[in-house]
């Protein structure tokens, strides 16, 4: 286990910090995402105002995150100038850090602590919202799913900080 901890510490040290650029909440299934400047992350449930927060506690997909840099890649693959993050059905857009490297890591945004649980694979609905080829363009660029371990307010502009092994919360 010591070897695994040193790997996690090297990852968290090498990553640096990211930045929360956008927050989107979906009040109901299939409803459009609402862009907000801040929200409250509720431990073991989800983001206040998001439909996932109303479900059973403990889901591994309480929050979804995507790299801002991947929005540009998807736009280029679809020959578009830009992609509105609300179309992609992810809650948080993060810049300046490789979200793929955060898988199985704990991180803080604002006052809240999250645990990255799994890759967030795109669904066939991406063809519906982005047009033909949307699903294919999103493959490998879908982001991450996360659980909320400690509640707190998050705001656009907050830093995303990967936690060291010593700072992690029990899951």
N, C-alpha and C. Protein backbone atom coordinates (compact mmCIF):
# COMPACT_ATOMS: atom_id res chain seq x y z
N UNK A 1 0.82 -1.20 0.00
CA UNK A 1 0.00 0.00 0.00
C UNK A 1 0.86 1.26 0.00
N UNK A 2 2.01 1.21 0.61
CA UNK A 2 2.91 2.37 0.63
C UNK A 2 3.26 2.82 -0.78
N UNK A 3 3.48 1.87 -1.66
CA UNK A 3 3.82 2.20 -3.05
C UNK A 3 2.67 2.94 -3.72
N UNK A 4 1.44 2.50 -3.47
CA UNK A 4 0.27 3.14 -4.06
C UNK A 4 0.13 4.57 -3.54
N UNK A 5 0.34 4.76 -2.24
CA UNK A 5 0.25 6.11 -1.69
C UNK A 5 1.27 7.04 -2.31
N UNK A 6 2.50 6.58 -2.52
CA UNK A 6 3.50 7.45 -3.11
C UNK A 6 3.13 7.80 -4.56
N UNK A 7 2.49 6.87 -5.27
CA UNK A 7 2.01 7.16 -6.62
C UNK A 7 0.94 8.25 -6.56
N UNK A 8 -0.02 8.14 -5.66
CA UNK A 8 -1.07 9.14 -5.52
C UNK A 8 -0.48 10.50 -5.17
N UNK A 9 0.51 10.52 -4.26
CA UNK A 9 1.15 11.78 -3.91
C UNK A 9 1.87 12.39 -5.10
N UNK A 10 2.54 11.56 -5.91
CA UNK A 10 3.22 12.09 -7.11
C UNK A 10 2.20 12.66 -8.08
N UNK A 11 1.08 11.98 -8.25
CA UNK A 11 0.04 12.48 -9.16
C UNK A 11 -0.48 13.82 -8.66
N UNK A 12 -0.85 13.89 -7.37
CA UNK A 12 -1.43 15.13 -6.86
C UNK A 12 -0.44 16.28 -6.89
N UNK A 13 0.83 16.01 -6.66
CA UNK A 13 1.85 17.06 -6.71
C UNK A 13 2.07 17.53 -8.14
N UNK A 14 2.10 16.61 -9.09
CA UNK A 14 2.37 16.95 -10.49
C UNK A 14 1.20 17.65 -11.17
N UNK A 15 -0.01 17.40 -10.71
CA UNK A 15 -1.18 17.96 -11.37
C UNK A 15 -1.29 19.47 -11.27
N UNK A 16 -0.92 20.01 -10.14
CA UNK A 16 -1.18 21.43 -9.92
C UNK A 16 -2.66 21.62 -9.63
N UNK A 17 -3.15 22.82 -9.80
CA UNK A 17 -4.54 23.13 -9.50
C UNK A 17 -5.31 23.46 -10.76
N UNK A 18 -6.60 23.22 -10.70
CA UNK A 18 -7.50 23.60 -11.79
C UNK A 18 -8.38 24.75 -11.33
N UNK A 19 -9.34 25.08 -12.18
CA UNK A 19 -10.25 26.20 -11.88
C UNK A 19 -11.65 25.82 -12.32
N UNK A 20 -12.64 26.12 -11.47
CA UNK A 20 -14.05 25.91 -11.81
C UNK A 20 -14.52 27.07 -12.68
N UNK A 21 -14.84 26.76 -13.94
CA UNK A 21 -15.22 27.80 -14.91
C UNK A 21 -16.73 27.95 -15.10
N UNK A 22 -17.49 26.89 -14.81
CA UNK A 22 -18.92 26.91 -15.12
C UNK A 22 -19.63 25.89 -14.24
N UNK A 23 -20.84 26.23 -13.80
CA UNK A 23 -21.69 25.32 -13.02
C UNK A 23 -23.03 25.22 -13.72
N UNK A 24 -23.49 23.99 -13.93
CA UNK A 24 -24.80 23.75 -14.53
C UNK A 24 -25.63 22.82 -13.67
N UNK A 25 -26.90 23.18 -13.47
CA UNK A 25 -27.82 22.37 -12.68
C UNK A 25 -29.02 22.00 -13.53
N UNK A 26 -29.46 20.76 -13.43
CA UNK A 26 -30.63 20.29 -14.17
C UNK A 26 -31.74 20.03 -13.16
N UNK A 27 -32.78 20.87 -13.12
CA UNK A 27 -33.83 20.72 -12.11
C UNK A 27 -34.69 19.46 -12.26
N UNK A 28 -34.77 18.93 -13.48
CA UNK A 28 -35.59 17.73 -13.72
C UNK A 28 -34.98 16.94 -14.88
N UNK A 29 -35.37 15.68 -14.96
CA UNK A 29 -34.88 14.81 -16.04
C UNK A 29 -35.24 15.43 -17.39
N UNK A 30 -34.29 15.46 -18.29
CA UNK A 30 -34.42 16.00 -19.65
C UNK A 30 -34.65 17.52 -19.70
N UNK A 31 -34.63 18.17 -18.55
CA UNK A 31 -34.76 19.63 -18.52
C UNK A 31 -33.43 20.25 -18.93
N UNK A 32 -33.46 21.45 -19.51
CA UNK A 32 -32.20 22.12 -19.84
C UNK A 32 -31.42 22.47 -18.58
N UNK A 33 -30.10 22.48 -18.71
CA UNK A 33 -29.26 22.88 -17.58
C UNK A 33 -29.35 24.38 -17.38
N UNK A 34 -29.35 24.77 -16.13
CA UNK A 34 -29.35 26.18 -15.77
C UNK A 34 -27.94 26.55 -15.32
N UNK A 35 -27.38 27.57 -15.91
CA UNK A 35 -26.05 28.04 -15.55
C UNK A 35 -26.15 28.93 -14.32
N UNK A 36 -25.36 28.62 -13.28
CA UNK A 36 -25.37 29.41 -12.05
C UNK A 36 -23.93 29.78 -11.69
N UNK A 37 -23.79 30.79 -10.87
CA UNK A 37 -22.45 31.23 -10.45
C UNK A 37 -21.98 30.51 -9.18
N UNK A 38 -22.91 29.95 -8.42
CA UNK A 38 -22.55 29.21 -7.21
C UNK A 38 -23.67 28.25 -6.84
N UNK A 39 -23.32 27.25 -6.06
CA UNK A 39 -24.30 26.32 -5.52
C UNK A 39 -23.71 25.67 -4.28
N UNK A 40 -24.52 24.86 -3.63
CA UNK A 40 -24.08 24.16 -2.44
C UNK A 40 -23.98 22.67 -2.77
N UNK A 41 -22.81 22.09 -2.51
CA UNK A 41 -22.60 20.65 -2.71
C UNK A 41 -23.02 19.94 -1.42
N UNK A 42 -23.99 19.04 -1.53
CA UNK A 42 -24.53 18.34 -0.37
C UNK A 42 -23.91 16.95 -0.31
N UNK A 43 -23.24 16.66 0.80
CA UNK A 43 -22.53 15.39 0.96
C UNK A 43 -23.45 14.21 0.72
N UNK A 44 -22.96 13.26 -0.08
CA UNK A 44 -23.61 11.99 -0.38
C UNK A 44 -24.88 12.13 -1.22
N UNK A 45 -25.18 13.34 -1.71
CA UNK A 45 -26.39 13.53 -2.52
C UNK A 45 -26.10 14.15 -3.89
N UNK A 46 -25.61 15.38 -3.90
CA UNK A 46 -25.37 16.08 -5.16
C UNK A 46 -25.38 17.57 -4.96
N UNK A 47 -25.57 18.29 -6.05
CA UNK A 47 -25.58 19.76 -6.01
C UNK A 47 -26.99 20.27 -5.77
N UNK A 48 -27.12 21.20 -4.86
CA UNK A 48 -28.42 21.78 -4.55
C UNK A 48 -29.01 22.38 -5.83
N UNK A 49 -30.25 22.01 -6.13
CA UNK A 49 -30.91 22.49 -7.34
C UNK A 49 -30.79 21.55 -8.52
N UNK A 50 -29.97 20.49 -8.39
CA UNK A 50 -29.81 19.51 -9.47
C UNK A 50 -30.68 18.29 -9.18
N UNK A 51 -31.25 17.70 -10.20
CA UNK A 51 -32.16 16.57 -10.02
C UNK A 51 -31.51 15.38 -9.33
N UNK A 52 -30.21 15.17 -9.52
CA UNK A 52 -29.53 14.03 -8.88
C UNK A 52 -29.52 14.16 -7.37
N UNK A 53 -29.63 15.37 -6.86
CA UNK A 53 -29.64 15.61 -5.42
C UNK A 53 -30.93 15.07 -4.78
N UNK A 54 -31.95 14.85 -5.58
CA UNK A 54 -33.24 14.37 -5.07
C UNK A 54 -33.32 12.85 -5.01
N UNK A 55 -32.30 12.16 -5.53
CA UNK A 55 -32.31 10.70 -5.57
C UNK A 55 -31.82 10.08 -4.28
N UNK A 56 -31.63 8.77 -4.34
CA UNK A 56 -31.14 8.03 -3.18
C UNK A 56 -29.69 8.41 -2.90
N UNK A 57 -29.32 8.51 -1.62
CA UNK A 57 -27.93 8.84 -1.28
C UNK A 57 -26.95 7.75 -1.72
N UNK A 58 -25.72 8.15 -1.93
CA UNK A 58 -24.65 7.19 -2.18
C UNK A 58 -24.31 6.93 -3.63
N UNK A 59 -24.98 7.56 -4.56
CA UNK A 59 -24.67 7.34 -5.97
C UNK A 59 -23.23 7.73 -6.29
N UNK A 60 -22.62 7.00 -7.20
CA UNK A 60 -21.25 7.33 -7.63
C UNK A 60 -21.27 8.46 -8.65
N UNK A 61 -22.46 8.89 -9.09
CA UNK A 61 -22.58 9.92 -10.11
C UNK A 61 -23.37 11.12 -9.57
N UNK A 62 -22.97 11.61 -8.42
CA UNK A 62 -23.66 12.76 -7.82
C UNK A 62 -23.35 14.05 -8.56
N UNK A 63 -22.15 14.13 -9.12
CA UNK A 63 -21.69 15.31 -9.85
C UNK A 63 -20.91 14.83 -11.07
N UNK A 64 -21.06 15.55 -12.18
CA UNK A 64 -20.26 15.23 -13.37
C UNK A 64 -19.40 16.44 -13.73
N UNK A 65 -18.16 16.15 -14.16
CA UNK A 65 -17.19 17.19 -14.48
C UNK A 65 -16.64 16.95 -15.88
N UNK A 66 -16.31 18.02 -16.57
CA UNK A 66 -15.69 17.92 -17.89
C UNK A 66 -14.60 18.99 -18.00
N UNK A 67 -13.56 18.67 -18.74
CA UNK A 67 -12.48 19.63 -18.99
C UNK A 67 -12.93 20.72 -19.97
N UNK A 68 -12.67 21.97 -19.65
CA UNK A 68 -12.94 23.07 -20.57
C UNK A 68 -12.17 22.86 -21.87
N UNK A 69 -10.95 22.35 -21.74
CA UNK A 69 -10.11 22.12 -22.91
C UNK A 69 -10.74 21.08 -23.85
N UNK A 70 -11.52 20.16 -23.30
CA UNK A 70 -12.17 19.14 -24.14
C UNK A 70 -13.37 19.71 -24.90
N UNK A 71 -13.95 20.79 -24.38
CA UNK A 71 -15.03 21.45 -25.13
C UNK A 71 -14.50 21.94 -26.48
N UNK A 72 -13.28 22.46 -26.46
CA UNK A 72 -12.65 22.95 -27.70
C UNK A 72 -12.39 21.79 -28.66
N UNK A 73 -11.93 20.66 -28.11
CA UNK A 73 -11.64 19.49 -28.95
C UNK A 73 -12.93 18.99 -29.61
N UNK A 74 -13.99 18.85 -28.81
CA UNK A 74 -15.27 18.36 -29.34
C UNK A 74 -15.79 19.33 -30.40
N UNK A 75 -15.68 20.62 -30.15
CA UNK A 75 -16.13 21.62 -31.13
C UNK A 75 -15.37 21.45 -32.45
N UNK A 76 -14.06 21.27 -32.37
CA UNK A 76 -13.26 21.10 -33.59
C UNK A 76 -13.64 19.83 -34.33
N UNK A 77 -13.86 18.75 -33.59
CA UNK A 77 -14.25 17.49 -34.23
C UNK A 77 -15.59 17.61 -34.94
N UNK A 78 -16.46 18.45 -34.43
CA UNK A 78 -17.78 18.65 -35.04
C UNK A 78 -17.80 19.85 -36.00
N UNK A 79 -16.62 20.43 -36.23
CA UNK A 79 -16.48 21.58 -37.14
C UNK A 79 -17.37 22.75 -36.70
N UNK A 80 -17.35 22.99 -35.40
CA UNK A 80 -18.08 24.11 -34.81
C UNK A 80 -17.06 25.08 -34.20
N UNK A 81 -17.50 26.30 -34.01
CA UNK A 81 -16.63 27.28 -33.37
C UNK A 81 -16.53 27.04 -31.87
N UNK A 82 -17.65 26.67 -31.25
CA UNK A 82 -17.65 26.42 -29.80
C UNK A 82 -18.82 25.50 -29.44
N UNK A 83 -18.78 24.99 -28.22
CA UNK A 83 -19.84 24.14 -27.69
C UNK A 83 -20.34 24.75 -26.39
N UNK A 84 -21.63 24.94 -26.27
CA UNK A 84 -22.22 25.42 -25.03
C UNK A 84 -22.16 24.27 -24.02
N UNK A 85 -21.51 24.46 -22.87
CA UNK A 85 -21.38 23.36 -21.90
C UNK A 85 -22.72 22.81 -21.44
N UNK A 86 -23.77 23.61 -21.48
CA UNK A 86 -25.10 23.15 -21.05
C UNK A 86 -25.59 21.99 -21.92
N UNK A 87 -25.16 21.94 -23.17
CA UNK A 87 -25.59 20.86 -24.06
C UNK A 87 -25.04 19.50 -23.64
N UNK A 88 -23.90 19.49 -22.97
CA UNK A 88 -23.20 18.24 -22.67
C UNK A 88 -23.68 17.56 -21.39
N UNK A 89 -24.59 18.21 -20.66
CA UNK A 89 -25.22 17.62 -19.48
C UNK A 89 -24.23 17.30 -18.36
N UNK A 90 -23.15 18.04 -18.27
CA UNK A 90 -22.20 17.91 -17.16
C UNK A 90 -22.43 19.07 -16.21
N UNK A 91 -22.17 18.84 -14.92
CA UNK A 91 -22.42 19.88 -13.92
C UNK A 91 -21.32 20.93 -13.82
N UNK A 92 -20.07 20.48 -13.92
CA UNK A 92 -18.96 21.40 -13.68
C UNK A 92 -17.98 21.37 -14.85
N UNK A 93 -17.57 22.55 -15.30
CA UNK A 93 -16.52 22.67 -16.31
C UNK A 93 -15.27 23.16 -15.59
N UNK A 94 -14.20 22.39 -15.75
CA UNK A 94 -12.94 22.66 -15.06
C UNK A 94 -11.85 22.92 -16.09
N UNK A 95 -11.01 23.91 -15.84
CA UNK A 95 -9.88 24.18 -16.74
C UNK A 95 -8.56 24.05 -15.97
N UNK A 96 -7.49 23.84 -16.73
CA UNK A 96 -6.14 23.90 -16.17
C UNK A 96 -5.64 22.65 -15.48
N UNK A 97 -6.38 21.56 -15.54
CA UNK A 97 -5.95 20.32 -14.89
C UNK A 97 -6.51 19.14 -15.70
N UNK A 98 -5.77 18.07 -15.77
CA UNK A 98 -6.22 16.88 -16.50
C UNK A 98 -7.15 16.07 -15.61
N UNK A 99 -8.45 16.15 -15.87
CA UNK A 99 -9.42 15.43 -15.05
C UNK A 99 -9.21 13.92 -15.08
N UNK A 100 -8.71 13.38 -16.19
CA UNK A 100 -8.47 11.94 -16.27
C UNK A 100 -7.53 11.47 -15.17
N UNK A 101 -6.55 12.30 -14.81
CA UNK A 101 -5.59 11.94 -13.77
C UNK A 101 -6.19 12.01 -12.37
N UNK A 102 -7.37 12.60 -12.23
CA UNK A 102 -8.04 12.69 -10.93
C UNK A 102 -8.87 11.46 -10.59
N UNK A 103 -9.00 10.53 -11.54
CA UNK A 103 -9.81 9.34 -11.27
C UNK A 103 -9.29 8.63 -10.03
N UNK A 104 -10.18 8.27 -9.13
CA UNK A 104 -9.90 7.63 -7.84
C UNK A 104 -9.21 8.57 -6.85
N UNK A 105 -9.15 9.85 -7.14
CA UNK A 105 -8.52 10.83 -6.25
C UNK A 105 -9.60 11.63 -5.53
N UNK A 106 -9.21 12.25 -4.43
CA UNK A 106 -10.07 13.20 -3.76
C UNK A 106 -9.55 14.60 -4.06
N UNK A 107 -10.48 15.54 -4.19
CA UNK A 107 -10.11 16.91 -4.49
C UNK A 107 -11.11 17.86 -3.85
N UNK A 108 -10.66 19.10 -3.69
CA UNK A 108 -11.49 20.14 -3.10
C UNK A 108 -11.80 21.19 -4.15
N UNK A 109 -13.04 21.62 -4.15
CA UNK A 109 -13.45 22.80 -4.92
C UNK A 109 -14.20 23.68 -3.92
N UNK A 110 -13.73 24.90 -3.74
CA UNK A 110 -14.36 25.77 -2.73
C UNK A 110 -14.30 25.11 -1.37
N UNK A 111 -15.45 24.99 -0.73
CA UNK A 111 -15.53 24.40 0.61
C UNK A 111 -15.78 22.89 0.57
N UNK A 112 -16.12 22.33 -0.58
CA UNK A 112 -16.55 20.93 -0.69
C UNK A 112 -15.40 20.01 -1.07
N UNK A 113 -15.49 18.76 -0.62
CA UNK A 113 -14.52 17.74 -1.00
C UNK A 113 -15.25 16.65 -1.78
N UNK A 114 -14.64 16.26 -2.89
CA UNK A 114 -15.20 15.29 -3.83
C UNK A 114 -14.27 14.09 -3.96
N UNK A 115 -14.83 12.98 -4.41
CA UNK A 115 -14.04 11.80 -4.76
C UNK A 115 -14.42 11.40 -6.18
N UNK A 116 -13.45 11.40 -7.08
CA UNK A 116 -13.70 11.02 -8.47
C UNK A 116 -13.92 9.51 -8.53
N UNK A 117 -15.04 9.08 -9.06
CA UNK A 117 -15.42 7.67 -9.02
C UNK A 117 -15.22 6.93 -10.33
N UNK A 118 -15.54 7.56 -11.45
CA UNK A 118 -15.50 6.85 -12.73
C UNK A 118 -15.44 7.84 -13.88
N UNK A 119 -15.08 7.32 -15.03
CA UNK A 119 -15.16 8.13 -16.24
C UNK A 119 -16.63 8.36 -16.56
N UNK A 120 -16.95 9.50 -17.13
CA UNK A 120 -18.32 9.83 -17.50
C UNK A 120 -18.43 9.68 -19.02
N UNK A 121 -18.84 8.51 -19.43
CA UNK A 121 -18.92 8.22 -20.85
C UNK A 121 -20.12 8.92 -21.49
N UNK A 122 -19.96 9.39 -22.71
CA UNK A 122 -21.08 10.05 -23.39
C UNK A 122 -22.15 9.03 -23.76
N UNK A 123 -23.38 9.50 -23.82
CA UNK A 123 -24.48 8.62 -24.22
C UNK A 123 -24.93 9.00 -25.64
N UNK A 124 -25.81 8.19 -26.18
CA UNK A 124 -26.30 8.42 -27.55
C UNK A 124 -27.07 9.73 -27.66
N UNK A 125 -27.47 10.31 -26.55
CA UNK A 125 -28.17 11.59 -26.57
C UNK A 125 -27.30 12.71 -27.12
N UNK A 126 -25.98 12.50 -27.14
CA UNK A 126 -25.08 13.52 -27.68
C UNK A 126 -25.35 13.73 -29.17
N UNK A 127 -25.78 12.69 -29.88
CA UNK A 127 -26.17 12.86 -31.29
C UNK A 127 -27.40 13.76 -31.38
N UNK A 128 -28.28 13.64 -30.42
CA UNK A 128 -29.51 14.43 -30.39
C UNK A 128 -29.21 15.91 -30.15
N UNK A 129 -28.32 16.21 -29.20
CA UNK A 129 -28.07 17.60 -28.83
C UNK A 129 -26.97 18.27 -29.64
N UNK A 130 -26.02 17.47 -30.14
CA UNK A 130 -24.90 18.04 -30.90
C UNK A 130 -25.02 17.79 -32.40
N UNK A 131 -25.93 16.90 -32.78
CA UNK A 131 -26.09 16.55 -34.19
C UNK A 131 -25.34 15.26 -34.50
N UNK A 132 -25.46 14.79 -35.74
CA UNK A 132 -24.80 13.55 -36.13
C UNK A 132 -23.30 13.61 -35.83
N UNK A 133 -22.79 12.56 -35.21
CA UNK A 133 -21.38 12.51 -34.85
C UNK A 133 -21.08 13.04 -33.46
N UNK A 134 -22.08 13.56 -32.77
CA UNK A 134 -21.88 14.13 -31.44
C UNK A 134 -21.38 13.10 -30.44
N UNK A 135 -21.98 11.93 -30.46
CA UNK A 135 -21.56 10.85 -29.56
C UNK A 135 -20.12 10.45 -29.85
N UNK A 136 -19.79 10.26 -31.10
CA UNK A 136 -18.42 9.87 -31.48
C UNK A 136 -17.41 10.95 -31.11
N UNK A 137 -17.77 12.21 -31.29
CA UNK A 137 -16.85 13.31 -30.96
C UNK A 137 -16.57 13.37 -29.46
N UNK A 138 -17.53 12.96 -28.66
CA UNK A 138 -17.39 13.01 -27.20
C UNK A 138 -16.60 11.83 -26.63
N UNK A 139 -16.43 10.76 -27.39
CA UNK A 139 -15.72 9.58 -26.87
C UNK A 139 -14.32 9.97 -26.42
N UNK A 140 -13.99 9.61 -25.19
CA UNK A 140 -12.70 9.96 -24.61
C UNK A 140 -12.64 11.36 -24.03
N UNK A 141 -13.73 12.12 -24.18
CA UNK A 141 -13.76 13.51 -23.71
C UNK A 141 -14.96 13.77 -22.81
N UNK A 142 -15.52 12.70 -22.23
CA UNK A 142 -16.75 12.84 -21.45
C UNK A 142 -16.58 13.33 -20.03
N UNK A 143 -15.35 13.27 -19.52
CA UNK A 143 -15.11 13.78 -18.17
C UNK A 143 -15.19 12.71 -17.09
N UNK A 144 -15.55 13.14 -15.89
CA UNK A 144 -15.57 12.28 -14.71
C UNK A 144 -16.88 12.39 -13.97
N UNK A 145 -17.19 11.32 -13.23
CA UNK A 145 -18.27 11.33 -12.25
C UNK A 145 -17.61 11.43 -10.87
N UNK A 146 -18.31 12.02 -9.92
CA UNK A 146 -17.76 12.16 -8.57
C UNK A 146 -18.86 12.10 -7.53
N UNK A 147 -18.43 11.73 -6.33
CA UNK A 147 -19.27 11.76 -5.13
C UNK A 147 -18.85 12.95 -4.29
N UNK A 148 -19.76 13.47 -3.49
CA UNK A 148 -19.45 14.56 -2.58
C UNK A 148 -19.22 13.97 -1.20
N UNK A 149 -18.01 14.14 -0.68
CA UNK A 149 -17.66 13.60 0.63
C UNK A 149 -17.89 14.59 1.76
N UNK A 150 -17.64 15.89 1.48
CA UNK A 150 -17.88 16.93 2.48
C UNK A 150 -18.63 18.08 1.83
N UNK A 151 -19.70 18.49 2.46
CA UNK A 151 -20.56 19.55 1.93
C UNK A 151 -19.85 20.90 1.96
N UNK A 152 -20.32 21.78 1.10
CA UNK A 152 -19.81 23.14 1.11
C UNK A 152 -20.21 23.90 -0.13
N UNK A 153 -20.06 25.21 -0.06
CA UNK A 153 -20.38 26.09 -1.19
C UNK A 153 -19.27 26.01 -2.23
N UNK A 154 -19.66 25.98 -3.50
CA UNK A 154 -18.70 26.08 -4.61
C UNK A 154 -19.13 27.25 -5.49
N UNK A 155 -18.14 27.94 -6.04
CA UNK A 155 -18.40 29.13 -6.87
C UNK A 155 -17.54 29.10 -8.13
N UNK A 156 -18.07 29.65 -9.20
CA UNK A 156 -17.26 29.83 -10.41
C UNK A 156 -16.04 30.65 -10.01
N UNK A 157 -14.86 30.19 -10.43
CA UNK A 157 -13.61 30.84 -10.09
C UNK A 157 -12.85 30.13 -8.98
N UNK A 158 -13.53 29.23 -8.24
CA UNK A 158 -12.84 28.46 -7.19
C UNK A 158 -11.77 27.57 -7.80
N UNK A 159 -10.71 27.33 -7.01
CA UNK A 159 -9.66 26.40 -7.42
C UNK A 159 -10.10 24.97 -7.17
N UNK A 160 -9.65 24.06 -8.04
CA UNK A 160 -9.75 22.62 -7.80
C UNK A 160 -8.37 22.20 -7.33
N UNK A 161 -8.30 21.63 -6.13
CA UNK A 161 -7.03 21.22 -5.53
C UNK A 161 -7.10 19.73 -5.24
N UNK A 162 -6.17 18.96 -5.81
CA UNK A 162 -6.08 17.53 -5.53
C UNK A 162 -5.52 17.36 -4.12
N UNK A 163 -6.15 16.50 -3.32
CA UNK A 163 -5.73 16.31 -1.94
C UNK A 163 -4.63 15.26 -1.83
N UNK A 164 -3.69 15.50 -0.94
CA UNK A 164 -2.65 14.51 -0.68
C UNK A 164 -3.25 13.38 0.14
N UNK A 165 -2.53 12.28 0.26
CA UNK A 165 -3.01 11.13 1.02
C UNK A 165 -3.35 11.53 2.44
N UNK A 166 -2.55 12.37 3.05
CA UNK A 166 -2.77 12.79 4.43
C UNK A 166 -4.02 13.67 4.61
N UNK A 167 -4.46 14.32 3.54
CA UNK A 167 -5.63 15.20 3.61
C UNK A 167 -6.94 14.49 3.29
N UNK A 168 -6.88 13.29 2.78
CA UNK A 168 -8.08 12.60 2.30
C UNK A 168 -9.03 12.22 3.43
N UNK A 169 -10.30 12.21 3.09
CA UNK A 169 -11.34 11.79 4.02
C UNK A 169 -11.61 10.31 3.85
N UNK A 170 -12.07 9.64 4.90
CA UNK A 170 -12.47 8.24 4.74
C UNK A 170 -13.70 8.15 3.84
N UNK A 171 -13.73 7.13 3.01
CA UNK A 171 -14.90 6.97 2.14
C UNK A 171 -15.72 5.87 2.69
